[in-house]
Protein backbone atom coordinates (compact mmCIF):
# COMPACT_ATOMS: atom_id res chain seq x y z
CA MET A 1 96.69 -74.09 -239.93
CA PHE A 2 99.53 -75.85 -241.80
CA LYS A 3 99.86 -72.91 -244.20
CA LEU A 4 103.55 -73.48 -244.94
CA LEU A 5 103.23 -77.23 -245.54
CA LYS A 6 100.21 -76.65 -247.79
CA GLU A 7 102.21 -74.17 -249.85
CA LYS A 8 105.23 -76.50 -250.06
CA LEU A 9 103.13 -79.47 -251.15
CA LYS A 10 101.32 -77.35 -253.71
CA GLY A 11 104.71 -76.29 -255.06
CA ILE A 12 105.87 -79.92 -255.17
CA ARG A 13 102.87 -80.89 -257.27
CA LYS A 14 103.61 -78.06 -259.69
CA LYS A 15 107.29 -79.03 -259.94
CA ALA A 16 106.38 -82.65 -260.55
CA ASN A 17 104.36 -81.61 -263.56
CA GLU A 18 107.06 -79.23 -264.79
CA GLU A 19 110.11 -81.42 -264.24
CA LEU A 20 108.70 -84.91 -264.69
CA GLY A 21 105.67 -84.26 -266.86
CA GLU A 22 107.74 -82.93 -269.78
CA GLU A 23 109.02 -86.45 -270.33
CA PHE A 24 105.53 -87.67 -271.13
CA THR A 25 104.11 -85.03 -273.46
CA SER A 26 104.69 -87.02 -276.62
CA GLY A 27 104.76 -90.61 -277.77
CA MET A 28 102.89 -93.57 -276.38
CA GLY A 29 104.28 -93.25 -272.87
CA LYS A 30 107.63 -93.85 -271.19
CA LYS A 31 108.99 -95.38 -268.03
CA ILE A 32 110.22 -93.07 -265.26
CA LYS A 33 113.96 -93.32 -264.74
CA GLU A 34 115.54 -92.92 -261.29
CA GLU A 35 118.02 -90.27 -262.44
CA LYS A 36 115.12 -88.15 -263.67
CA LEU A 37 113.69 -88.18 -260.15
CA GLU A 38 116.85 -87.06 -258.33
CA ASP A 39 116.55 -83.29 -258.83
CA PHE A 40 112.85 -83.42 -258.03
CA LEU A 41 113.42 -85.43 -254.84
CA TRP A 42 116.07 -82.95 -253.69
CA GLU A 43 113.55 -80.13 -254.03
CA LEU A 44 110.99 -82.23 -252.14
CA GLU A 45 113.52 -82.75 -249.35
CA ILE A 46 114.22 -79.02 -248.98
CA ALA A 47 110.52 -78.16 -249.01
CA LEU A 48 109.66 -80.68 -246.31
CA MET A 49 112.61 -79.66 -244.12
CA GLU A 50 111.37 -76.07 -244.19
CA ALA A 51 108.02 -77.35 -242.90
CA ASP A 52 109.67 -79.06 -239.87
CA VAL A 53 109.40 -82.57 -241.25
CA ALA A 54 112.17 -84.70 -239.73
CA VAL A 55 114.97 -86.03 -241.96
CA ASP A 56 114.07 -89.68 -241.27
CA VAL A 57 110.51 -89.03 -242.40
CA ILE A 58 111.70 -87.25 -245.54
CA GLU A 59 113.93 -90.20 -246.43
CA LYS A 60 110.96 -92.54 -245.95
CA LEU A 61 108.76 -90.42 -248.21
CA LYS A 62 111.47 -90.19 -250.87
CA ALA A 63 111.98 -93.95 -250.78
CA ASP A 64 108.24 -94.53 -251.18
CA ILE A 65 108.11 -92.19 -254.18
CA LYS A 66 111.05 -94.00 -255.80
CA LYS A 67 109.46 -97.38 -255.17
CA GLU A 68 106.15 -96.21 -256.60
CA LEU A 69 107.44 -94.33 -259.64
CA VAL A 70 110.77 -95.73 -260.86
CA GLY A 71 110.13 -98.04 -263.78
CA LYS A 72 106.47 -97.13 -263.91
CA LYS A 73 105.09 -96.53 -267.40
CA VAL A 74 103.24 -93.24 -267.56
CA LYS A 75 100.58 -92.54 -270.13
CA LEU A 76 100.68 -89.62 -272.53
CA GLY A 77 99.73 -86.38 -270.76
CA ALA A 78 99.74 -87.96 -267.31
CA ASP A 79 99.27 -85.60 -264.34
CA MET A 80 102.61 -86.27 -262.67
CA GLY A 81 101.77 -83.86 -259.88
CA LYS A 82 98.68 -85.87 -258.98
CA ILE A 83 100.61 -89.15 -259.17
CA VAL A 84 103.28 -87.81 -256.77
CA GLU A 85 100.62 -86.35 -254.47
CA ASN A 86 98.72 -89.63 -254.26
CA THR A 87 101.96 -91.46 -253.46
CA LEU A 88 102.74 -88.99 -250.67
CA LYS A 89 99.23 -89.31 -249.27
CA LYS A 90 99.45 -93.10 -249.19
CA SER A 91 102.85 -92.97 -247.49
CA LEU A 92 101.71 -90.41 -244.91
CA LYS A 93 98.63 -92.46 -244.10
CA LYS A 94 100.85 -95.45 -243.29
CA ILE A 95 102.92 -93.26 -240.96
CA LEU A 96 99.96 -91.68 -239.18
CA ASP A 97 97.37 -94.43 -239.02
CA LYS A 98 98.23 -96.73 -236.10
CA GLY A 99 94.77 -98.24 -235.76
CA PHE A 100 94.20 -96.96 -232.21
CA ASP A 101 90.76 -95.67 -231.25
CA PHE A 102 90.65 -93.86 -227.91
CA ASP A 103 86.91 -94.31 -227.47
CA GLU A 104 87.27 -98.09 -227.81
CA PHE A 105 90.17 -98.01 -225.36
CA ALA A 106 88.11 -95.98 -222.86
CA LYS A 107 85.16 -98.34 -223.16
CA ASN A 108 87.20 -101.50 -222.62
CA CYS A 109 89.86 -100.33 -220.13
CA GLU A 110 89.60 -101.92 -216.68
CA ARG A 111 88.42 -99.65 -213.86
CA PRO A 112 89.79 -97.45 -212.60
CA CYS A 113 91.54 -96.76 -215.87
CA VAL A 114 94.80 -94.89 -215.19
CA ILE A 115 96.22 -92.48 -217.77
CA MET A 116 99.61 -90.85 -217.15
CA PHE A 117 100.73 -87.71 -218.96
CA LEU A 118 104.31 -86.78 -219.88
CA GLY A 119 105.73 -83.60 -221.41
CA VAL A 120 107.85 -80.57 -220.68
CA ASN A 121 106.59 -77.36 -219.11
CA GLY A 122 104.87 -74.98 -221.49
CA THR A 123 103.29 -77.55 -223.80
CA GLY A 124 99.83 -77.20 -222.27
CA LYS A 125 99.93 -80.61 -220.59
CA THR A 126 97.80 -79.73 -217.55
CA THR A 127 95.22 -77.99 -219.74
CA VAL A 128 95.10 -81.09 -221.99
CA ILE A 129 94.38 -83.21 -218.90
CA ALA A 130 91.46 -80.94 -218.06
CA LYS A 131 90.22 -81.12 -221.66
CA LEU A 132 90.40 -84.91 -221.66
CA ALA A 133 88.55 -84.98 -218.32
CA LYS A 134 85.79 -82.91 -219.95
CA TYR A 135 85.80 -85.21 -222.99
CA LEU A 136 85.40 -88.30 -220.80
CA MET A 137 82.74 -86.72 -218.61
CA ASP A 138 80.74 -85.74 -221.70
CA LYS A 139 80.69 -89.44 -222.57
CA GLY A 140 79.33 -90.33 -219.14
CA TYR A 141 82.53 -91.39 -217.38
CA SER A 142 83.63 -90.26 -213.91
CA VAL A 143 87.12 -88.82 -213.45
CA VAL A 144 89.67 -88.17 -210.69
CA LEU A 145 92.72 -85.95 -211.24
CA ALA A 146 96.09 -86.63 -209.61
CA ALA A 147 98.28 -83.54 -209.00
CA SER A 148 101.56 -85.46 -209.32
CA ASP A 149 103.50 -82.43 -210.50
CA THR A 150 104.61 -81.60 -206.97
CA PHE A 151 107.75 -79.84 -208.18
CA ARG A 152 105.88 -76.55 -208.69
CA ALA A 153 103.26 -75.20 -206.31
CA GLY A 154 101.80 -73.39 -209.32
CA ALA A 155 101.14 -76.68 -211.07
CA ILE A 156 99.11 -77.97 -208.11
CA GLU A 157 97.14 -74.74 -208.07
CA GLN A 158 96.55 -74.91 -211.82
CA ILE A 159 95.12 -78.42 -211.83
CA SER A 160 93.07 -77.60 -208.71
CA ILE A 161 91.45 -74.69 -210.56
CA HIS A 162 90.64 -76.97 -213.48
CA GLY A 163 89.12 -79.46 -211.06
CA GLU A 164 86.92 -76.79 -209.52
CA ASN A 165 85.82 -75.55 -212.95
CA LEU A 166 84.89 -79.06 -214.06
CA GLY A 167 83.54 -80.33 -210.75
CA VAL A 168 86.19 -83.05 -210.61
CA LYS A 169 87.96 -84.34 -207.49
CA VAL A 170 91.68 -83.48 -207.41
CA ILE A 171 93.96 -85.56 -205.18
CA LYS A 172 96.96 -83.50 -204.10
CA HIS A 173 99.72 -83.27 -201.50
CA GLN A 174 101.86 -80.32 -200.52
CA ALA A 175 104.43 -78.96 -202.96
CA GLY A 176 107.64 -81.00 -202.79
CA GLY A 177 105.81 -84.19 -201.83
CA ASP A 178 106.29 -87.60 -203.43
CA PRO A 179 104.59 -87.54 -206.88
CA ALA A 180 104.16 -91.32 -206.91
CA ALA A 181 102.36 -91.17 -203.56
CA VAL A 182 99.88 -88.68 -205.01
CA ALA A 183 99.17 -90.99 -207.94
CA TYR A 184 98.74 -93.94 -205.57
CA ASP A 185 96.30 -92.01 -203.37
CA ALA A 186 94.30 -90.90 -206.43
CA ILE A 187 93.98 -94.49 -207.64
CA GLU A 188 92.92 -95.70 -204.18
CA HIS A 189 90.33 -92.90 -204.03
CA ALA A 190 89.01 -93.92 -207.47
CA LYS A 191 88.72 -97.54 -206.32
CA ALA A 192 86.88 -96.58 -203.13
CA LYS A 193 84.50 -94.21 -204.93
CA HIS A 194 84.12 -96.40 -208.04
CA ARG A 195 85.41 -93.75 -210.42
CA ASP A 196 86.16 -94.71 -214.02
CA PHE A 197 89.34 -92.77 -214.81
CA VAL A 198 92.39 -91.39 -213.01
CA LEU A 199 94.32 -88.77 -214.99
CA VAL A 200 97.84 -88.29 -213.62
CA ASP A 201 99.61 -84.98 -214.15
CA THR A 202 103.42 -85.05 -213.87
CA ALA A 203 106.32 -82.61 -213.68
CA GLY A 204 107.67 -81.14 -216.89
CA ARG A 205 111.24 -80.06 -216.32
CA MET A 206 113.56 -80.48 -219.29
CA GLN A 207 113.43 -83.98 -220.75
CA THR A 208 117.20 -84.35 -220.32
CA ASN A 209 116.91 -83.96 -216.54
CA ARG A 210 117.91 -87.33 -215.05
CA ASN A 211 116.00 -86.70 -211.81
CA LEU A 212 112.85 -85.99 -213.80
CA MET A 213 113.12 -89.23 -215.76
CA ASP A 214 113.71 -91.24 -212.59
CA GLU A 215 110.68 -89.55 -211.04
CA MET A 216 108.53 -90.46 -214.07
CA LYS A 217 109.70 -94.08 -213.90
CA LYS A 218 108.75 -94.28 -210.22
CA ILE A 219 105.29 -92.86 -210.86
CA LYS A 220 104.82 -95.39 -213.65
CA ARG A 221 105.90 -98.29 -211.44
CA VAL A 222 103.48 -97.24 -208.71
CA ALA A 223 100.52 -96.13 -210.84
CA LYS A 224 100.81 -98.89 -213.48
CA PRO A 225 99.02 -96.71 -216.05
CA HIS A 226 96.94 -98.37 -218.73
CA LEU A 227 97.96 -95.59 -221.13
CA THR A 228 100.94 -93.21 -221.06
CA ILE A 229 100.48 -90.11 -223.18
CA PHE A 230 103.17 -87.70 -224.39
CA VAL A 231 101.85 -84.15 -224.74
CA GLY A 232 103.82 -82.17 -227.31
CA ASP A 233 103.69 -78.60 -228.55
CA SER A 234 103.20 -78.70 -232.33
CA LEU A 235 104.92 -75.29 -232.58
CA ALA A 236 108.13 -76.65 -231.01
CA GLY A 237 109.23 -78.42 -234.18
CA ASN A 238 112.38 -80.50 -233.76
CA ASP A 239 112.39 -79.86 -229.99
CA ALA A 240 109.05 -81.66 -229.70
CA ILE A 241 110.46 -84.61 -231.65
CA GLU A 242 113.48 -84.84 -229.34
CA GLN A 243 111.24 -84.60 -226.28
CA ALA A 244 109.02 -87.40 -227.56
CA ARG A 245 112.05 -89.59 -228.28
CA ALA A 246 113.52 -88.97 -224.80
CA PHE A 247 110.31 -89.71 -222.90
CA ASP A 248 109.60 -92.79 -225.00
CA SER A 249 113.13 -94.11 -224.56
CA GLU A 250 113.31 -93.47 -220.81
CA VAL A 251 109.75 -93.93 -219.59
CA GLY A 252 107.72 -95.38 -222.46
CA VAL A 253 104.98 -93.65 -224.44
CA ASP A 254 101.81 -95.28 -225.76
CA ALA A 255 100.17 -92.35 -227.53
CA VAL A 256 100.54 -88.66 -228.35
CA ILE A 257 98.43 -85.53 -227.95
CA LEU A 258 99.61 -82.44 -229.84
CA THR A 259 98.66 -78.99 -228.59
CA LYS A 260 98.37 -75.61 -230.36
CA ILE A 261 97.62 -77.28 -233.67
CA ASP A 262 95.34 -74.37 -234.57
CA ALA A 263 98.38 -72.05 -234.58
CA ASP A 264 100.70 -74.46 -236.40
CA ALA A 265 101.68 -72.95 -239.75
CA LYS A 266 104.22 -75.66 -240.59
CA GLY A 267 102.51 -78.99 -239.91
CA GLY A 268 105.59 -81.18 -239.83
CA ALA A 269 105.70 -81.98 -236.11
CA ALA A 270 102.71 -84.33 -236.14
CA ILE A 271 104.09 -86.38 -239.03
CA SER A 272 107.58 -86.49 -237.54
CA ILE A 273 106.60 -87.49 -234.00
CA ALA A 274 104.28 -90.24 -235.27
CA TYR A 275 107.11 -91.65 -237.39
CA GLU A 276 109.98 -91.24 -234.94
CA ILE A 277 108.35 -92.99 -231.96
CA ASN A 278 105.86 -95.07 -233.97
CA LYS A 279 102.96 -94.27 -231.65
CA PRO A 280 99.44 -93.05 -232.48
CA ILE A 281 98.38 -89.43 -232.26
CA ILE A 282 95.03 -89.58 -230.49
CA PHE A 283 93.97 -85.95 -229.98
CA LEU A 284 94.80 -82.46 -231.19
CA GLY A 285 94.48 -79.37 -229.00
CA THR A 286 92.71 -76.71 -231.07
CA GLY A 287 92.22 -73.82 -228.64
CA GLN A 288 92.05 -72.70 -225.01
CA ASN A 289 88.56 -73.87 -224.05
CA TYR A 290 87.80 -77.23 -222.44
CA GLU A 291 85.89 -78.26 -225.57
CA ASP A 292 88.90 -77.59 -227.80
CA LEU A 293 90.17 -81.16 -227.99
CA MET A 294 89.69 -82.94 -231.29
CA LYS A 295 90.03 -86.67 -231.87
CA PHE A 296 92.79 -87.20 -234.40
CA ASP A 297 91.47 -88.23 -237.80
CA VAL A 298 94.10 -89.33 -240.32
CA ASP A 299 92.08 -88.50 -243.42
CA TRP A 300 91.12 -85.07 -242.05
CA PHE A 301 94.76 -84.31 -241.27
CA ILE A 302 96.06 -85.41 -244.68
CA ASN A 303 93.35 -83.48 -246.49
CA ARG A 304 94.19 -80.38 -244.46
CA ILE A 305 97.93 -80.46 -245.23
CA PHE A 306 97.16 -80.89 -248.93
CA GLY A 307 94.78 -77.92 -248.79
CA GLU A 308 91.61 -79.92 -249.41
């Protein structure tokens, strides 16, 4: 997990000591000059780009390093690598920590609490819905699933199988039906049966498809979800960032779940999506089983990408 980003950040720490530390090996200490940072920041930029960190994020991190270090007096023998690393950690924590706790949201959300899921085909969206259903049920909540991806008969079948496996009611219509009507019926069922949560699956054709976006907007108008989640594939890199931007711009996103994080060697997608749409990451998909859904922990994530 995050092997490439770990290696790049380890290399950055080494270069900071080699290229910046030599300035502070003698004397009583000197101030760091901006021109001394330029070559180092260029190497940082290249390293982060190779790890799928978006350009806007890289510019933010570079600006934070400049702000933190330029004009700072460094003591004799200072560990410049550690100073740069701590600055990056602090900057990343600001990007990733949005102060949203899903468990608190679930506890306080009015009933039935409606959660709508967005994302393109292949990201594992329907499986994430099933995992979140299991997560909620393990905490004592009752759940209804809405098969509002009526574009593909296979999608209805897939969520129906998950429902059977979990013992959860799935509200569905025939393939080609009105997705918003399915969501509406699921919410009405939840009201009648006093269920706590309605999880709404949706179609995942390409995010640039105008019909898809209009369909998502209609579902949102009808379902009035309390939370709209974008499900992104962490292995998709810049594509996942563009998808998140498109769905947020057209439909509106409140939070993010990233899948396949266990297979993500680069690690840049999570940072980039959180920065680009300024929404919290709330869960990470870590495998294929229903239990493989991990609440996002900022400190855990930062420690992992720095190899700690």
